[in-house]
Amino acid sequence: MANTPAEKSFFWPRLIRPIIRKHKHSIVDLCTSAAKIERRIIAKSHGMEGGYQKIKKMGWGDLWYFERRVPHKFRKEGRYGKRLW
């Protein structure tokens, strides 16, 4: 499959709207390689691994090269199964 970073970048999601910046978190809308629109919330607690530090400098149309990651402290078992908050 893809070996070099340039080849891997074809499968990275792209920001399709301006970033919504809130206090201690940012909300991004991405177009994935499967041609689906996905909304992600990046909290300050996600740190460098989750992309919070990089999102401050990104803009509309940039590639999002971070994996989808939800830290365990945000996963909760509820009455209806797993939920994020």
PDB file of N, CA and C in Angstrom:
ATOM      1  N   MET A   1       0.839  -1.180   0.000  1.00  0.00           N
ATOM      2  CA  MET A   1       0.000   0.000   0.000  1.00  0.00           C
ATOM      3  C   MET A   1       0.885   1.245   0.000  1.00  0.00           C
ATOM      4  N   ALA A   2       0.599   2.237   0.799  1.00  0.00           N
ATOM      5  CA  ALA A   2       1.352   3.496   0.810  1.00  0.00           C
ATOM      6  C   ALA A   2       2.572   3.370   1.720  1.00  0.00           C
ATOM      7  N   ASN A   3       3.735   3.686   1.176  1.00  0.00           N
ATOM      8  CA  ASN A   3       4.968   3.566   1.955  1.00  0.00           C
ATOM      9  C   ASN A   3       5.520   4.912   2.388  1.00  0.00           C
ATOM     10  N   THR A   4       5.478   5.896   1.539  1.00  0.00           N
ATOM     11  CA  THR A   4       6.051   7.199   1.860  1.00  0.00           C
ATOM     12  C   THR A   4       4.976   8.113   2.460  1.00  0.00           C
ATOM     13  N   PRO A   5       5.389   9.141   3.203  1.00  0.00           N
ATOM     14  CA  PRO A   5       4.394  10.086   3.748  1.00  0.00           C
ATOM     15  C   PRO A   5       3.577  10.769   2.647  1.00  0.00           C
ATOM     16  N   ALA A   6       4.184  11.004   1.502  1.00  0.00           N
ATOM     17  CA  ALA A   6       3.438  11.635   0.410  1.00  0.00           C
ATOM     18  C   ALA A   6       2.315  10.728  -0.091  1.00  0.00           C
ATOM     19  N   GLU A   7       2.579   9.429  -0.159  1.00  0.00           N
ATOM     20  CA  GLU A   7       1.541   8.490  -0.576  1.00  0.00           C
ATOM     21  C   GLU A   7       0.470   8.328   0.498  1.00  0.00           C
ATOM     22  N   LYS A   8       0.880   8.348   1.764  1.00  0.00           N
ATOM     23  CA  LYS A   8      -0.072   8.215   2.866  1.00  0.00           C
ATOM     24  C   LYS A   8      -1.006   9.423   2.948  1.00  0.00           C
ATOM     25  N   SER A   9      -0.534  10.572   2.501  1.00  0.00           N
ATOM     26  CA  SER A   9      -1.338  11.792   2.613  1.00  0.00           C
ATOM     27  C   SER A   9      -2.597  11.739   1.758  1.00  0.00           C
ATOM     28  N   PHE A  10      -2.656  10.849   0.766  1.00  0.00           N
ATOM     29  CA  PHE A  10      -3.865  10.717  -0.036  1.00  0.00           C
ATOM     30  C   PHE A  10      -5.024  10.155   0.769  1.00  0.00           C
ATOM     31  N   PHE A  11      -4.717   9.519   1.900  1.00  0.00           N
ATOM     32  CA  PHE A  11      -5.748   8.901   2.727  1.00  0.00           C
ATOM     33  C   PHE A  11      -6.070   9.712   3.974  1.00  0.00           C
ATOM     34  N   TRP A  12      -5.434  10.859   4.151  1.00  0.00           N
ATOM     35  CA  TRP A  12      -5.703  11.706   5.313  1.00  0.00           C
ATOM     36  C   TRP A  12      -6.956  12.542   5.079  1.00  0.00           C
ATOM     37  N   PRO A  13      -7.711  12.814   6.134  1.00  0.00           N
ATOM     38  CA  PRO A  13      -8.879  13.705   5.995  1.00  0.00           C
ATOM     39  C   PRO A  13      -8.444  15.159   5.771  1.00  0.00           C
ATOM     40  N   ARG A  14      -9.348  15.957   5.222  1.00  0.00           N
ATOM     41  CA  ARG A  14      -9.076  17.364   4.954  1.00  0.00           C
ATOM     42  C   ARG A  14     -10.124  18.215   5.655  1.00  0.00           C
ATOM     43  N   LEU A  15      -9.694  19.353   6.213  1.00  0.00           N
ATOM     44  CA  LEU A  15     -10.621  20.279   6.861  1.00  0.00           C
ATOM     45  C   LEU A  15     -11.462  20.962   5.791  1.00  0.00           C
ATOM     46  N   ILE A  16     -12.771  20.895   5.937  1.00  0.00           N
ATOM     47  CA  ILE A  16     -13.642  21.434   4.895  1.00  0.00           C
ATOM     48  C   ILE A  16     -14.358  22.714   5.313  1.00  0.00           C
ATOM     49  N   ARG A  17     -14.245  23.081   6.566  1.00  0.00           N
ATOM     50  CA  ARG A  17     -14.863  24.325   7.051  1.00  0.00           C
ATOM     51  C   ARG A  17     -13.886  25.019   7.978  1.00  0.00           C
ATOM     52  N   PRO A  18     -14.100  26.286   8.232  1.00  0.00           N
ATOM     53  CA  PRO A  18     -13.244  26.957   9.216  1.00  0.00           C
ATOM     54  C   PRO A  18     -13.367  26.292  10.588  1.00  0.00           C
ATOM     55  N   ILE A  19     -12.303  26.316  11.332  1.00  0.00           N
ATOM     56  CA  ILE A  19     -12.261  25.689  12.654  1.00  0.00           C
ATOM     57  C   ILE A  19     -13.065  26.534  13.642  1.00  0.00           C
ATOM     58  N   ILE A  20     -13.887  25.867  14.417  1.00  0.00           N
ATOM     59  CA  ILE A  20     -14.653  26.543  15.463  1.00  0.00           C
ATOM     60  C   ILE A  20     -13.826  26.451  16.734  1.00  0.00           C
ATOM     61  N   ARG A  21     -13.334  27.571  17.193  1.00  0.00           N
ATOM     62  CA  ARG A  21     -12.475  27.593  18.375  1.00  0.00           C
ATOM     63  C   ARG A  21     -13.281  28.014  19.592  1.00  0.00           C
ATOM     64  N   LYS A  22     -13.274  27.182  20.582  1.00  0.00           N
ATOM     65  CA  LYS A  22     -13.948  27.449  21.847  1.00  0.00           C
ATOM     66  C   LYS A  22     -12.891  27.483  22.944  1.00  0.00           C
ATOM     67  N   HIS A  23     -13.336  27.704  24.165  1.00  0.00           N
ATOM     68  CA  HIS A  23     -12.413  27.726  25.297  1.00  0.00           C
ATOM     69  C   HIS A  23     -11.972  26.296  25.619  1.00  0.00           C
ATOM     70  N   LYS A  24     -10.692  26.001  25.473  1.00  0.00           N
ATOM     71  CA  LYS A  24     -10.069  24.715  25.765  1.00  0.00           C
ATOM     72  C   LYS A  24     -10.485  23.576  24.834  1.00  0.00           C
ATOM     73  N   HIS A  25     -11.113  23.859  23.707  1.00  0.00           N
ATOM     74  CA  HIS A  25     -11.340  22.837  22.706  1.00  0.00           C
ATOM     75  C   HIS A  25     -11.640  23.480  21.354  1.00  0.00           C
ATOM     76  N   SER A  26     -11.474  22.702  20.302  1.00  0.00           N
ATOM     77  CA  SER A  26     -11.757  23.158  18.943  1.00  0.00           C
ATOM     78  C   SER A  26     -12.619  22.106  18.263  1.00  0.00           C
ATOM     79  N   ILE A  27     -13.459  22.554  17.341  1.00  0.00           N
ATOM     80  CA  ILE A  27     -14.343  21.655  16.608  1.00  0.00           C
ATOM     81  C   ILE A  27     -13.984  21.765  15.134  1.00  0.00           C
ATOM     82  N   VAL A  28     -13.717  20.610  14.511  1.00  0.00           N
ATOM     83  CA  VAL A  28     -13.343  20.595  13.099  1.00  0.00           C
ATOM     84  C   VAL A  28     -14.275  19.683  12.328  1.00  0.00           C
ATOM     85  N   ASP A  29     -14.560  20.063  11.083  1.00  0.00           N
ATOM     86  CA  ASP A  29     -15.326  19.237  10.160  1.00  0.00           C
ATOM     87  C   ASP A  29     -14.363  18.729   9.106  1.00  0.00           C
ATOM     88  N   LEU A  30     -14.346  17.404   8.926  1.00  0.00           N
ATOM     89  CA  LEU A  30     -13.385  16.770   8.036  1.00  0.00           C
ATOM     90  C   LEU A  30     -14.102  15.997   6.939  1.00  0.00           C
ATOM     91  N   CYS A  31     -13.470  15.932   5.780  1.00  0.00           N
ATOM     92  CA  CYS A  31     -13.907  15.054   4.705  1.00  0.00           C
ATOM     93  C   CYS A  31     -12.928  13.893   4.689  1.00  0.00           C
ATOM     94  N   THR A  32     -13.406  12.687   4.973  1.00  0.00           N
ATOM     95  CA  THR A  32     -12.531  11.529   5.081  1.00  0.00           C
ATOM     96  C   THR A  32     -12.262  10.923   3.712  1.00  0.00           C
ATOM     97  N   SER A  33     -11.356   9.950   3.675  1.00  0.00           N
ATOM     98  CA  SER A  33     -11.025   9.289   2.410  1.00  0.00           C
ATOM     99  C   SER A  33     -12.191   8.449   1.892  1.00  0.00           C
ATOM    100  N   ALA A  34     -13.134   8.109   2.766  1.00  0.00           N
ATOM    101  CA  ALA A  34     -14.330   7.369   2.352  1.00  0.00           C
ATOM    102  C   ALA A  34     -15.427   8.311   1.873  1.00  0.00           C
ATOM    103  N   ALA A  35     -15.086   9.593   1.653  1.00  0.00           N
ATOM    104  CA  ALA A  35     -16.016  10.618   1.158  1.00  0.00           C
ATOM    105  C   ALA A  35     -17.176  10.860   2.116  1.00  0.00           C
ATOM    106  N   LYS A  36     -16.893  10.826   3.403  1.00  0.00           N
ATOM    107  CA  LYS A  36     -17.903  11.119   4.423  1.00  0.00           C
ATOM    108  C   LYS A  36     -17.460  12.337   5.213  1.00  0.00           C
ATOM    109  N   ILE A  37     -18.424  13.118   5.656  1.00  0.00           N
ATOM    110  CA  ILE A  37     -18.128  14.289   6.478  1.00  0.00           C
ATOM    111  C   ILE A  37     -18.195  13.867   7.939  1.00  0.00           C
ATOM    112  N   GLU A  38     -17.177  14.247   8.677  1.00  0.00           N
ATOM    113  CA  GLU A  38     -17.053  13.837  10.071  1.00  0.00           C
ATOM    114  C   GLU A  38     -16.712  15.060  10.916  1.00  0.00           C
ATOM    115  N   ARG A  39     -17.345  15.184  12.067  1.00  0.00           N
ATOM    116  CA  ARG A  39     -17.056  16.278  12.995  1.00  0.00           C
ATOM    117  C   ARG A  39     -16.302  15.718  14.183  1.00  0.00           C
ATOM    118  N   ARG A  40     -15.175  16.363  14.505  1.00  0.00           N
ATOM    119  CA  ARG A  40     -14.366  15.935  15.648  1.00  0.00           C
ATOM    120  C   ARG A  40     -14.176  17.092  16.608  1.00  0.00           C
ATOM    121  N   ILE A  41     -14.161  16.754  17.879  1.00  0.00           N
ATOM    122  CA  ILE A  41     -13.903  17.726  18.929  1.00  0.00           C
ATOM    123  C   ILE A  41     -12.525  17.419  19.491  1.00  0.00           C
ATOM    124  N   ILE A  42     -11.634  18.390  19.422  1.00  0.00           N
ATOM    125  CA  ILE A  42     -10.278  18.220  19.911  1.00  0.00           C
ATOM    126  C   ILE A  42     -10.139  19.063  21.168  1.00  0.00           C
ATOM    127  N   ALA A  43     -10.004  18.395  22.308  1.00  0.00           N
ATOM    128  CA  ALA A  43      -9.906  19.088  23.589  1.00  0.00           C
ATOM    129  C   ALA A  43      -8.453  19.377  23.923  1.00  0.00           C
ATOM    130  N   LYS A  44      -8.244  20.337  24.781  1.00  0.00           N
ATOM    131  CA  LYS A  44      -6.900  20.683  25.213  1.00  0.00           C
ATOM    132  C   LYS A  44      -6.230  19.508  25.920  1.00  0.00           C
ATOM    133  N   SER A  45      -7.007  18.684  26.591  1.00  0.00           N
ATOM    134  CA  SER A  45      -6.459  17.539  27.303  1.00  0.00           C
ATOM    135  C   SER A  45      -5.923  16.461  26.365  1.00  0.00           C
ATOM    136  N   HIS A  46      -6.257  16.527  25.065  1.00  0.00           N
ATOM    137  CA  HIS A  46      -5.723  15.568  24.101  1.00  0.00           C
ATOM    138  C   HIS A  46      -4.250  15.831  23.828  1.00  0.00           C
ATOM    139  N   GLY A  47      -3.804  17.055  24.039  1.00  0.00           N
ATOM    140  CA  GLY A  47      -2.388  17.390  23.912  1.00  0.00           C
ATOM    141  C   GLY A  47      -1.849  17.285  22.502  1.00  0.00           C
ATOM    142  N   MET A  48      -0.545  17.026  22.404  1.00  0.00           N
ATOM    143  CA  MET A  48       0.113  16.939  21.104  1.00  0.00           C
ATOM    144  C   MET A  48      -0.340  15.719  20.309  1.00  0.00           C
ATOM    145  N   GLU A  49      -0.563  14.586  20.985  1.00  0.00           N
ATOM    146  CA  GLU A  49      -0.948  13.366  20.274  1.00  0.00           C
ATOM    147  C   GLU A  49      -2.299  13.505  19.599  1.00  0.00           C
ATOM    148  N   GLY A  50      -3.187  14.271  20.193  1.00  0.00           N
ATOM    149  CA  GLY A  50      -4.518  14.445  19.637  1.00  0.00           C
ATOM    150  C   GLY A  50      -4.635  15.597  18.672  1.00  0.00           C
ATOM    151  N   GLY A  51      -3.612  16.438  18.592  1.00  0.00           N
ATOM    152  CA  GLY A  51      -3.607  17.515  17.621  1.00  0.00           C
ATOM    153  C   GLY A  51      -4.017  18.874  18.135  1.00  0.00           C
ATOM    154  N   TYR A  52      -4.203  19.030  19.447  1.00  0.00           N
ATOM    155  CA  TYR A  52      -4.682  20.323  19.952  1.00  0.00           C
ATOM    156  C   TYR A  52      -3.680  21.450  19.695  1.00  0.00           C
ATOM    157  N   GLN A  53      -2.397  21.183  19.883  1.00  0.00           N
ATOM    158  CA  GLN A  53      -1.393  22.223  19.672  1.00  0.00           C
ATOM    159  C   GLN A  53      -1.292  22.608  18.199  1.00  0.00           C
ATOM    160  N   LYS A  54      -1.457  21.650  17.299  1.00  0.00           N
ATOM    161  CA  LYS A  54      -1.331  21.914  15.859  1.00  0.00           C
ATOM    162  C   LYS A  54      -2.576  22.578  15.286  1.00  0.00           C
ATOM    163  N   ILE A  55      -3.733  22.324  15.879  1.00  0.00           N
ATOM    164  CA  ILE A  55      -4.984  22.857  15.332  1.00  0.00           C
ATOM    165  C   ILE A  55      -5.016  24.379  15.398  1.00  0.00           C
ATOM    166  N   LYS A  56      -4.249  24.948  16.316  1.00  0.00           N
ATOM    167  CA  LYS A  56      -4.215  26.407  16.446  1.00  0.00           C
ATOM    168  C   LYS A  56      -3.663  27.072  15.190  1.00  0.00           C
ATOM    169  N   LYS A  57      -2.760  26.374  14.480  1.00  0.00           N
ATOM    170  CA  LYS A  57      -2.125  26.955  13.307  1.00  0.00           C
ATOM    171  C   LYS A  57      -2.704  26.450  11.993  1.00  0.00           C
ATOM    172  N   MET A  58      -3.612  25.485  12.049  1.00  0.00           N
ATOM    173  CA  MET A  58      -4.205  24.946  10.825  1.00  0.00           C
ATOM    174  C   MET A  58      -5.319  25.844  10.332  1.00  0.00           C
ATOM    175  N   GLY A  59      -5.621  25.705   9.078  1.00  0.00           N
ATOM    176  CA  GLY A  59      -6.693  26.491   8.480  1.00  0.00           C
ATOM    177  C   GLY A  59      -7.553  25.641   7.562  1.00  0.00           C
ATOM    178  N   TRP A  60      -8.524  26.266   6.991  1.00  0.00           N
ATOM    179  CA  TRP A  60      -9.474  25.634   6.092  1.00  0.00           C
ATOM    180  C   TRP A  60      -8.730  25.034   4.903  1.00  0.00           C
ATOM    181  N   GLY A  61      -8.950  23.759   4.607  1.00  0.00           N
ATOM    182  CA  GLY A  61      -8.328  23.100   3.475  1.00  0.00           C
ATOM    183  C   GLY A  61      -7.065  22.321   3.800  1.00  0.00           C
ATOM    184  N   ASP A  62      -6.555  22.437   5.027  1.00  0.00           N
ATOM    185  CA  ASP A  62      -5.345  21.704   5.411  1.00  0.00           C
ATOM    186  C   ASP A  62      -5.657  20.230   5.640  1.00  0.00           C
ATOM    187  N   LEU A  63      -4.612  19.407   5.548  1.00  0.00           N
ATOM    188  CA  LEU A  63      -4.751  17.980   5.815  1.00  0.00           C
ATOM    189  C   LEU A  63      -4.692  17.723   7.311  1.00  0.00           C
ATOM    190  N   TRP A  64      -5.541  16.821   7.788  1.00  0.00           N
ATOM    191  CA  TRP A  64      -5.568  16.436   9.197  1.00  0.00           C
ATOM    192  C   TRP A  64      -4.860  15.094   9.301  1.00  0.00           C
ATOM    193  N   TYR A  65      -3.648  15.081   9.815  1.00  0.00           N
ATOM    194  CA  TYR A  65      -2.834  13.870   9.827  1.00  0.00           C
ATOM    195  C   TYR A  65      -2.781  13.188  11.189  1.00  0.00           C
ATOM    196  N   PHE A  66      -3.766  13.406  12.028  1.00  0.00           N
ATOM    197  CA  PHE A  66      -3.839  12.772  13.339  1.00  0.00           C
ATOM    198  C   PHE A  66      -4.881  11.657  13.295  1.00  0.00           C
ATOM    199  N   GLU A  67      -4.576  10.579  13.998  1.00  0.00           N
ATOM    200  CA  GLU A  67      -5.510   9.464  14.069  1.00  0.00           C
ATOM    201  C   GLU A  67      -6.708   9.845  14.932  1.00  0.00           C
ATOM    202  N   ARG A  68      -7.806   9.158  14.720  1.00  0.00           N
ATOM    203  CA  ARG A  68      -8.975   9.368  15.567  1.00  0.00           C
ATOM    204  C   ARG A  68      -8.667   8.753  16.924  1.00  0.00           C
ATOM    205  N   ARG A  69      -8.721   9.558  17.952  1.00  0.00           N
ATOM    206  CA  ARG A  69      -8.331   9.107  19.281  1.00  0.00           C
ATOM    207  C   ARG A  69      -9.215   9.753  20.326  1.00  0.00           C
ATOM    208  N   VAL A  70      -9.789   8.927  21.199  1.00  0.00           N
ATOM    209  CA  VAL A  70     -10.557   9.428  22.330  1.00  0.00           C
ATOM    210  C   VAL A  70      -9.927   8.827  23.578  1.00  0.00           C
ATOM    211  N   PRO A  71      -9.332   9.651  24.428  1.00  0.00           N
ATOM    212  CA  PRO A  71      -8.683   9.113  25.628  1.00  0.00           C
ATOM    213  C   PRO A  71      -9.670   8.357  26.514  1.00  0.00           C
ATOM    214  N   HIS A  72      -9.144   7.384  27.253  1.00  0.00           N
ATOM    215  CA  HIS A  72      -9.988   6.547  28.103  1.00  0.00           C
ATOM    216  C   HIS A  72     -10.736   7.351  29.153  1.00  0.00           C
ATOM    217  N   LYS A  73     -10.159   8.459  29.595  1.00  0.00           N
ATOM    218  CA  LYS A  73     -10.849   9.204  30.651  1.00  0.00           C
ATOM    219  C   LYS A  73     -12.136   9.863  30.139  1.00  0.00           C
ATOM    220  N   PHE A  74     -12.338   9.906  28.810  1.00  0.00           N
ATOM    221  CA  PHE A  74     -13.555  10.484  28.257  1.00  0.00           C
ATOM    222  C   PHE A  74     -14.570   9.418  27.859  1.00  0.00           C
ATOM    223  N   ARG A  75     -14.159   8.169  27.814  1.00  0.00           N
ATOM    224  CA  ARG A  75     -15.083   7.101  27.469  1.00  0.00           C
ATOM    225  C   ARG A  75     -15.850   6.697  28.713  1.00  0.00           C
ATOM    226  N   LYS A  76     -17.126   6.649  28.600  1.00  0.00           N
ATOM    227  CA  LYS A  76     -17.957   6.313  29.751  1.00  0.00           C
ATOM    228  C   LYS A  76     -18.946   5.229  29.343  1.00  0.00           C
ATOM    229  N   GLU A  77     -19.164   4.322  30.243  1.00  0.00           N
ATOM    230  CA  GLU A  77     -20.173   3.299  30.018  1.00  0.00           C
ATOM    231  C   GLU A  77     -21.496   3.845  30.540  1.00  0.00           C
ATOM    232  N   GLY A  78     -22.448   3.945  29.681  1.00  0.00           N
ATOM    233  CA  GLY A  78     -23.747   4.458  30.078  1.00  0.00           C
ATOM    234  C   GLY A  78     -24.810   3.389  29.966  1.00  0.00           C
ATOM    235  N   ARG A  79     -26.018   3.808  30.170  1.00  0.00           N
ATOM    236  CA  ARG A  79     -27.148   2.898  30.092  1.00  0.00           C
ATOM    237  C   ARG A  79     -27.333   2.353  28.679  1.00  0.00           C
ATOM    238  N   TYR A  80     -26.948   3.160  27.691  1.00  0.00           N
ATOM    239  CA  TYR A  80     -27.136   2.792  26.301  1.00  0.00           C
ATOM    240  C   TYR A  80     -25.823   2.411  25.620  1.00  0.00           C
ATOM    241  N   GLY A  81     -24.817   2.008  26.389  1.00  0.00           N
ATOM    242  CA  GLY A  81     -23.534   1.622  25.808  1.00  0.00           C
ATOM    243  C   GLY A  81     -22.509   2.726  25.966  1.00  0.00           C
ATOM    244  N   LYS A  82     -21.434   2.630  25.164  1.00  0.00           N
ATOM    245  CA  LYS A  82     -20.351   3.606  25.267  1.00  0.00           C
ATOM    246  C   LYS A  82     -20.781   4.951  24.696  1.00  0.00           C
ATOM    247  N   ARG A  83     -20.371   5.995  25.361  1.00  0.00           N
ATOM    248  CA  ARG A  83     -20.607   7.356  24.869  1.00  0.00           C
ATOM    249  C   ARG A  83     -19.376   8.176  25.191  1.00  0.00           C
ATOM    250  N   LEU A  84     -19.251   9.324  24.564  1.00  0.00           N
ATOM    251  CA  LEU A  84     -18.061  10.125  24.738  1.00  0.00           C
ATOM    252  C   LEU A  84     -18.177  11.118  25.873  1.00  0.00           C
ATOM    253  N   TRP A  85     -19.363  11.642  26.159  1.00  0.00           N
ATOM    254  CA  TRP A  85     -19.530  12.579  27.271  1.00  0.00           C
ATOM    255  C   TRP A  85     -20.956  12.594  27.715  1.00  0.00           C
TER     256      TRP A  85
END
